[in-house]
Amino acid sequence: MVWLYAAGVAGIVGTMVSDIWFHIDYRVAANISLIYVASLTTIFHLLYALRSNWKANRVGKIFFVKTVFLPVMLWQIALSTWWDTDYPYRQHLRFAIYSLAAVAYFTMVIGLWTEQRADREDPDREL
C-alpha cells in the first residue's frame, strides 16, 4: 500500500512541477479530484455496507453511519462546484446534510471514546 501513497503523492507533485511548462487550471483539477474522492468514498461505503459485518458491534454501526454521510456531503459539494451554486433547495440540503453529519460524527466520537475506555478497563473483553 505504501507504493500507492507514493504514486499519488508523485502524481500531485508532478502536476505542480509541470505547471512550469504547462498551464494547469487548478480549479478544474481540484473539482476533478473532488469527483474522485466522492466516487471512492461511495465505493468504500457500498463495499462496507454490502460485504462487511458492520452490525456485529457498536463501532461497526457507528462507522456505517459515517460511511453514509461523507459521500453524501462530498457529492453535494461536487454538485455545487460543477453546476450553479444556487440550485433549488441548496441551502436546505446543505443544512440537513451538514447537521446530520455533525450528529453522526459526534456519535462516533462518543462511541469511540466509550469503547476505548472499556478496552482500557478490560483489555481481554470481546467486541
N, C-alpha and C. Protein backbone atom coordinates (compact mmCIF):
# COMPACT_ATOMS: atom_id res chain seq x y z
N MET A 1 0.80 -1.20 0.00
CA MET A 1 0.00 0.00 0.00
C MET A 1 0.85 1.27 0.00
N VAL A 2 2.06 1.17 0.52
CA VAL A 2 2.92 2.36 0.56
C VAL A 2 3.19 2.86 -0.86
N TRP A 3 3.34 1.94 -1.79
CA TRP A 3 3.61 2.35 -3.18
C TRP A 3 2.44 3.15 -3.75
N LEU A 4 1.22 2.85 -3.31
CA LEU A 4 0.05 3.58 -3.79
C LEU A 4 0.06 5.01 -3.27
N TYR A 5 0.39 5.18 -2.00
CA TYR A 5 0.53 6.53 -1.45
C TYR A 5 1.65 7.28 -2.18
N ALA A 6 2.75 6.61 -2.40
CA ALA A 6 3.89 7.24 -3.07
C ALA A 6 3.52 7.65 -4.50
N ALA A 7 2.80 6.80 -5.20
CA ALA A 7 2.37 7.13 -6.57
C ALA A 7 1.43 8.33 -6.57
N GLY A 8 0.52 8.37 -5.60
CA GLY A 8 -0.40 9.50 -5.51
C GLY A 8 0.32 10.81 -5.24
N VAL A 9 1.23 10.78 -4.27
CA VAL A 9 2.00 11.99 -3.95
C VAL A 9 2.86 12.40 -5.15
N ALA A 10 3.47 11.42 -5.82
CA ALA A 10 4.29 11.72 -7.00
C ALA A 10 3.44 12.36 -8.10
N GLY A 11 2.21 11.87 -8.29
CA GLY A 11 1.32 12.46 -9.29
C GLY A 11 0.96 13.90 -8.97
N ILE A 12 0.72 14.17 -7.70
CA ILE A 12 0.37 15.53 -7.29
C ILE A 12 1.57 16.45 -7.46
N VAL A 13 2.74 16.01 -6.98
CA VAL A 13 3.95 16.82 -7.12
C VAL A 13 4.29 17.01 -8.60
N GLY A 14 4.15 15.95 -9.39
CA GLY A 14 4.42 16.04 -10.82
C GLY A 14 3.51 17.05 -11.51
N THR A 15 2.26 17.08 -11.12
CA THR A 15 1.33 18.06 -11.69
C THR A 15 1.75 19.47 -11.34
N MET A 16 2.14 19.67 -10.08
CA MET A 16 2.55 21.02 -9.66
C MET A 16 3.85 21.44 -10.33
N VAL A 17 4.77 20.53 -10.50
CA VAL A 17 6.02 20.85 -11.18
C VAL A 17 5.79 21.12 -12.66
N SER A 18 4.87 20.37 -13.27
CA SER A 18 4.60 20.57 -14.69
C SER A 18 3.99 21.93 -14.98
N ASP A 19 3.54 22.60 -13.93
CA ASP A 19 2.99 23.95 -14.08
C ASP A 19 4.06 24.91 -14.59
N ILE A 20 5.31 24.54 -14.47
CA ILE A 20 6.41 25.36 -15.01
C ILE A 20 6.31 25.43 -16.53
N TRP A 21 5.95 24.31 -17.18
CA TRP A 21 5.91 24.22 -18.64
C TRP A 21 4.49 24.31 -19.21
N PHE A 22 3.50 23.88 -18.44
CA PHE A 22 2.12 23.84 -18.93
C PHE A 22 1.24 24.65 -18.00
N HIS A 23 0.16 25.18 -18.58
CA HIS A 23 -0.82 25.89 -17.74
C HIS A 23 -1.74 24.84 -17.12
N ILE A 24 -1.78 24.83 -15.80
CA ILE A 24 -2.67 23.92 -15.06
C ILE A 24 -3.79 24.77 -14.47
N ASP A 25 -5.02 24.43 -14.79
CA ASP A 25 -6.17 25.09 -14.18
C ASP A 25 -6.47 24.34 -12.89
N TYR A 26 -5.97 24.87 -11.79
CA TYR A 26 -6.09 24.18 -10.50
C TYR A 26 -7.54 24.12 -10.01
N ARG A 27 -8.37 25.05 -10.46
CA ARG A 27 -9.79 24.98 -10.09
C ARG A 27 -10.42 23.73 -10.68
N VAL A 28 -10.20 23.50 -11.96
CA VAL A 28 -10.74 22.30 -12.61
C VAL A 28 -10.08 21.05 -12.04
N ALA A 29 -8.78 21.10 -11.82
CA ALA A 29 -8.07 19.94 -11.26
C ALA A 29 -8.62 19.58 -9.88
N ALA A 30 -8.88 20.59 -9.05
CA ALA A 30 -9.44 20.33 -7.72
C ALA A 30 -10.86 19.79 -7.82
N ASN A 31 -11.64 20.30 -8.77
CA ASN A 31 -13.01 19.80 -8.96
C ASN A 31 -13.00 18.34 -9.42
N ILE A 32 -12.07 17.99 -10.27
CA ILE A 32 -11.94 16.59 -10.71
C ILE A 32 -11.52 15.71 -9.53
N SER A 33 -10.59 16.20 -8.73
CA SER A 33 -10.17 15.45 -7.54
C SER A 33 -11.34 15.25 -6.58
N LEU A 34 -12.20 16.24 -6.47
CA LEU A 34 -13.38 16.12 -5.62
C LEU A 34 -14.30 15.00 -6.13
N ILE A 35 -14.44 14.89 -7.43
CA ILE A 35 -15.24 13.79 -8.01
C ILE A 35 -14.60 12.46 -7.66
N TYR A 36 -13.27 12.37 -7.74
CA TYR A 36 -12.57 11.13 -7.37
C TYR A 36 -12.85 10.76 -5.91
N VAL A 37 -12.73 11.74 -5.01
CA VAL A 37 -12.94 11.47 -3.59
C VAL A 37 -14.38 11.06 -3.34
N ALA A 38 -15.33 11.75 -3.93
CA ALA A 38 -16.74 11.40 -3.76
C ALA A 38 -17.01 9.99 -4.29
N SER A 39 -16.45 9.68 -5.44
CA SER A 39 -16.65 8.34 -6.03
C SER A 39 -16.03 7.26 -5.15
N LEU A 40 -14.81 7.48 -4.69
CA LEU A 40 -14.13 6.47 -3.89
C LEU A 40 -14.78 6.28 -2.52
N THR A 41 -15.28 7.37 -1.91
CA THR A 41 -15.96 7.19 -0.63
C THR A 41 -17.30 6.48 -0.83
N THR A 42 -17.93 6.69 -1.97
CA THR A 42 -19.17 5.97 -2.28
C THR A 42 -18.88 4.49 -2.48
N ILE A 43 -17.82 4.17 -3.21
CA ILE A 43 -17.43 2.77 -3.41
C ILE A 43 -17.09 2.12 -2.08
N PHE A 44 -16.34 2.85 -1.24
CA PHE A 44 -15.99 2.32 0.08
C PHE A 44 -17.26 2.02 0.89
N HIS A 45 -18.20 2.96 0.86
CA HIS A 45 -19.46 2.76 1.60
C HIS A 45 -20.19 1.52 1.09
N LEU A 46 -20.30 1.37 -0.21
CA LEU A 46 -21.01 0.22 -0.76
C LEU A 46 -20.32 -1.09 -0.39
N LEU A 47 -19.00 -1.12 -0.48
CA LEU A 47 -18.26 -2.32 -0.09
C LEU A 47 -18.45 -2.62 1.40
N TYR A 48 -18.37 -1.59 2.21
CA TYR A 48 -18.53 -1.77 3.66
C TYR A 48 -19.96 -2.22 3.98
N ALA A 49 -20.94 -1.59 3.35
CA ALA A 49 -22.34 -1.90 3.64
C ALA A 49 -22.72 -3.31 3.17
N LEU A 50 -22.22 -3.71 2.04
CA LEU A 50 -22.65 -4.96 1.44
C LEU A 50 -21.77 -6.16 1.77
N ARG A 51 -20.51 -5.93 2.11
CA ARG A 51 -19.60 -7.05 2.28
C ARG A 51 -19.04 -7.21 3.69
N SER A 52 -19.31 -6.25 4.57
CA SER A 52 -18.78 -6.33 5.93
C SER A 52 -19.90 -6.62 6.92
N ASN A 53 -19.52 -7.20 8.04
CA ASN A 53 -20.48 -7.46 9.10
C ASN A 53 -20.49 -6.26 10.05
N TRP A 54 -20.94 -5.13 9.55
CA TRP A 54 -20.90 -3.88 10.32
C TRP A 54 -21.90 -3.88 11.47
N LYS A 55 -22.87 -4.78 11.45
CA LYS A 55 -23.85 -4.87 12.53
C LYS A 55 -23.32 -5.64 13.75
N ALA A 56 -22.12 -6.19 13.63
CA ALA A 56 -21.58 -7.07 14.66
C ALA A 56 -21.25 -6.36 15.98
N ASN A 57 -20.90 -5.07 15.89
CA ASN A 57 -20.57 -4.36 17.13
C ASN A 57 -20.96 -2.89 17.01
N ARG A 58 -20.87 -2.22 18.12
CA ARG A 58 -21.31 -0.83 18.20
C ARG A 58 -20.49 0.08 17.30
N VAL A 59 -19.18 -0.11 17.27
CA VAL A 59 -18.32 0.74 16.45
C VAL A 59 -18.62 0.52 14.97
N GLY A 60 -18.89 -0.72 14.58
CA GLY A 60 -19.25 -1.00 13.19
C GLY A 60 -20.49 -0.27 12.75
N LYS A 61 -21.48 -0.20 13.61
CA LYS A 61 -22.73 0.52 13.30
C LYS A 61 -22.47 2.02 13.18
N ILE A 62 -21.67 2.54 14.10
CA ILE A 62 -21.35 3.97 14.06
C ILE A 62 -20.55 4.30 12.81
N PHE A 63 -19.58 3.45 12.48
CA PHE A 63 -18.76 3.67 11.29
C PHE A 63 -19.62 3.59 10.03
N PHE A 64 -20.61 2.71 10.02
CA PHE A 64 -21.52 2.61 8.87
C PHE A 64 -22.21 3.95 8.62
N VAL A 65 -22.69 4.58 9.68
CA VAL A 65 -23.37 5.87 9.53
C VAL A 65 -22.40 6.90 8.95
N LYS A 66 -21.17 6.87 9.40
CA LYS A 66 -20.15 7.78 8.87
C LYS A 66 -19.94 7.55 7.39
N THR A 67 -19.93 6.28 6.98
CA THR A 67 -19.71 5.99 5.57
C THR A 67 -20.89 6.41 4.71
N VAL A 68 -22.02 6.69 5.33
CA VAL A 68 -23.17 7.21 4.58
C VAL A 68 -23.01 8.71 4.36
N PHE A 69 -22.69 9.45 5.42
CA PHE A 69 -22.73 10.90 5.35
C PHE A 69 -21.55 11.52 4.61
N LEU A 70 -20.38 10.93 4.69
CA LEU A 70 -19.24 11.53 3.99
C LEU A 70 -19.46 11.58 2.48
N PRO A 71 -19.84 10.48 1.82
CA PRO A 71 -20.08 10.59 0.37
C PRO A 71 -21.23 11.56 0.02
N VAL A 72 -22.29 11.54 0.82
CA VAL A 72 -23.41 12.45 0.54
C VAL A 72 -22.94 13.91 0.61
N MET A 73 -22.15 14.21 1.61
CA MET A 73 -21.63 15.56 1.76
C MET A 73 -20.71 15.92 0.58
N LEU A 74 -19.85 14.99 0.21
CA LEU A 74 -18.93 15.27 -0.89
C LEU A 74 -19.67 15.43 -2.22
N TRP A 75 -20.71 14.63 -2.46
CA TRP A 75 -21.48 14.77 -3.70
C TRP A 75 -22.22 16.10 -3.73
N GLN A 76 -22.71 16.56 -2.59
CA GLN A 76 -23.38 17.87 -2.55
C GLN A 76 -22.38 18.98 -2.88
N ILE A 77 -21.18 18.86 -2.35
CA ILE A 77 -20.14 19.86 -2.64
C ILE A 77 -19.74 19.80 -4.12
N ALA A 78 -19.60 18.59 -4.65
CA ALA A 78 -19.26 18.44 -6.07
C ALA A 78 -20.34 19.04 -6.96
N LEU A 79 -21.59 18.81 -6.60
CA LEU A 79 -22.70 19.39 -7.36
C LEU A 79 -22.59 20.91 -7.39
N SER A 80 -22.24 21.49 -6.27
CA SER A 80 -22.11 22.96 -6.18
C SER A 80 -20.93 23.48 -6.98
N THR A 81 -19.86 22.69 -7.09
CA THR A 81 -18.68 23.18 -7.82
C THR A 81 -18.83 23.05 -9.33
N TRP A 82 -19.58 22.07 -9.78
CA TRP A 82 -19.70 21.85 -11.23
C TRP A 82 -20.92 22.53 -11.83
N TRP A 83 -21.95 22.75 -11.04
CA TRP A 83 -23.15 23.39 -11.54
C TRP A 83 -23.38 24.69 -10.80
N ASP A 84 -24.49 25.30 -11.05
CA ASP A 84 -24.85 26.55 -10.40
C ASP A 84 -24.85 26.39 -8.88
N THR A 85 -24.23 27.31 -8.20
CA THR A 85 -24.15 27.21 -6.74
C THR A 85 -25.48 27.53 -6.06
N ASP A 86 -26.44 27.99 -6.82
CA ASP A 86 -27.76 28.29 -6.25
C ASP A 86 -28.85 27.40 -6.83
N TYR A 87 -28.59 26.10 -6.91
CA TYR A 87 -29.63 25.19 -7.40
C TYR A 87 -30.76 25.13 -6.36
N PRO A 88 -31.96 24.73 -6.77
CA PRO A 88 -33.11 24.77 -5.86
C PRO A 88 -32.88 23.95 -4.58
N TYR A 89 -33.23 24.56 -3.47
CA TYR A 89 -33.15 23.96 -2.13
C TYR A 89 -31.72 23.64 -1.69
N ARG A 90 -30.75 24.30 -2.31
CA ARG A 90 -29.35 24.03 -1.96
C ARG A 90 -29.08 24.29 -0.47
N GLN A 91 -29.52 25.43 0.03
CA GLN A 91 -29.24 25.76 1.43
C GLN A 91 -29.94 24.81 2.39
N HIS A 92 -31.14 24.38 2.02
CA HIS A 92 -31.87 23.41 2.85
C HIS A 92 -31.11 22.08 2.90
N LEU A 93 -30.65 21.63 1.72
CA LEU A 93 -29.90 20.37 1.66
C LEU A 93 -28.59 20.48 2.43
N ARG A 94 -27.88 21.58 2.25
CA ARG A 94 -26.62 21.77 2.97
C ARG A 94 -26.84 21.71 4.47
N PHE A 95 -27.87 22.41 4.94
CA PHE A 95 -28.16 22.41 6.37
C PHE A 95 -28.43 20.99 6.86
N ALA A 96 -29.28 20.27 6.16
CA ALA A 96 -29.64 18.91 6.59
C ALA A 96 -28.44 17.98 6.55
N ILE A 97 -27.70 17.99 5.45
CA ILE A 97 -26.56 17.08 5.29
C ILE A 97 -25.48 17.39 6.33
N TYR A 98 -25.10 18.65 6.46
CA TYR A 98 -24.02 19.01 7.37
C TYR A 98 -24.42 18.79 8.83
N SER A 99 -25.67 19.09 9.15
CA SER A 99 -26.12 18.89 10.52
C SER A 99 -26.18 17.41 10.87
N LEU A 100 -26.71 16.60 9.97
CA LEU A 100 -26.74 15.15 10.22
C LEU A 100 -25.34 14.57 10.29
N ALA A 101 -24.43 15.07 9.46
CA ALA A 101 -23.05 14.60 9.52
C ALA A 101 -22.42 14.96 10.86
N ALA A 102 -22.71 16.16 11.37
CA ALA A 102 -22.18 16.56 12.68
C ALA A 102 -22.72 15.64 13.77
N VAL A 103 -24.00 15.31 13.70
CA VAL A 103 -24.59 14.38 14.68
C VAL A 103 -23.91 13.02 14.58
N ALA A 104 -23.71 12.54 13.34
CA ALA A 104 -23.06 11.24 13.14
C ALA A 104 -21.64 11.24 13.71
N TYR A 105 -20.88 12.30 13.44
CA TYR A 105 -19.51 12.35 13.95
C TYR A 105 -19.47 12.52 15.46
N PHE A 106 -20.41 13.26 16.02
CA PHE A 106 -20.48 13.38 17.47
C PHE A 106 -20.73 12.01 18.09
N THR A 107 -21.65 11.27 17.51
CA THR A 107 -21.93 9.91 17.97
C THR A 107 -20.70 9.03 17.83
N MET A 108 -19.97 9.18 16.73
CA MET A 108 -18.75 8.39 16.53
C MET A 108 -17.72 8.70 17.61
N VAL A 109 -17.55 9.97 17.93
CA VAL A 109 -16.58 10.36 18.95
C VAL A 109 -16.95 9.75 20.30
N ILE A 110 -18.22 9.86 20.67
CA ILE A 110 -18.68 9.30 21.95
C ILE A 110 -18.52 7.78 21.95
N GLY A 111 -18.92 7.13 20.85
CA GLY A 111 -18.79 5.67 20.76
C GLY A 111 -17.36 5.20 20.82
N LEU A 112 -16.47 5.89 20.11
CA LEU A 112 -15.06 5.52 20.13
C LEU A 112 -14.47 5.71 21.52
N TRP A 113 -14.77 6.84 22.13
CA TRP A 113 -14.27 7.11 23.48
C TRP A 113 -14.76 6.06 24.46
N THR A 114 -16.03 5.69 24.36
CA THR A 114 -16.61 4.67 25.25
C THR A 114 -15.92 3.32 25.05
N GLU A 115 -15.73 2.93 23.80
CA GLU A 115 -15.08 1.64 23.51
C GLU A 115 -13.62 1.64 23.97
N GLN A 116 -12.92 2.74 23.75
CA GLN A 116 -11.53 2.82 24.21
C GLN A 116 -11.44 2.74 25.72
N ARG A 117 -12.35 3.41 26.41
CA ARG A 117 -12.36 3.37 27.86
C ARG A 117 -12.64 1.94 28.35
N ALA A 118 -13.60 1.27 27.71
CA ALA A 118 -13.92 -0.12 28.09
C ALA A 118 -12.75 -1.05 27.81
N ASP A 119 -12.02 -0.82 26.70
CA ASP A 119 -10.84 -1.63 26.39
C ASP A 119 -9.75 -1.45 27.44
N ARG A 120 -9.58 -0.24 27.92
CA ARG A 120 -8.56 0.02 28.93
C ARG A 120 -8.93 -0.63 30.26
N GLU A 121 -10.23 -0.64 30.57
CA GLU A 121 -10.67 -1.26 31.83
C GLU A 121 -10.58 -2.77 31.77
N ASP A 122 -10.89 -3.37 30.61
CA ASP A 122 -10.86 -4.83 30.45
C ASP A 122 -10.27 -5.17 29.09
N PRO A 123 -8.93 -5.23 28.98
CA PRO A 123 -8.30 -5.46 27.69
C PRO A 123 -8.60 -6.82 27.05
N ASP A 124 -9.11 -7.78 27.82
CA ASP A 124 -9.39 -9.10 27.29
C ASP A 124 -10.83 -9.29 26.81
N ARG A 125 -11.64 -8.23 26.88
CA ARG A 125 -13.05 -8.38 26.51
C ARG A 125 -13.22 -8.54 25.00
N GLU A 126 -14.30 -9.22 24.62
CA GLU A 126 -14.64 -9.41 23.21
C GLU A 126 -15.53 -8.26 22.76
N LEU A 127 -15.36 -7.81 21.52
CA LEU A 127 -16.23 -6.75 21.00
C LEU A 127 -17.53 -7.31 20.64
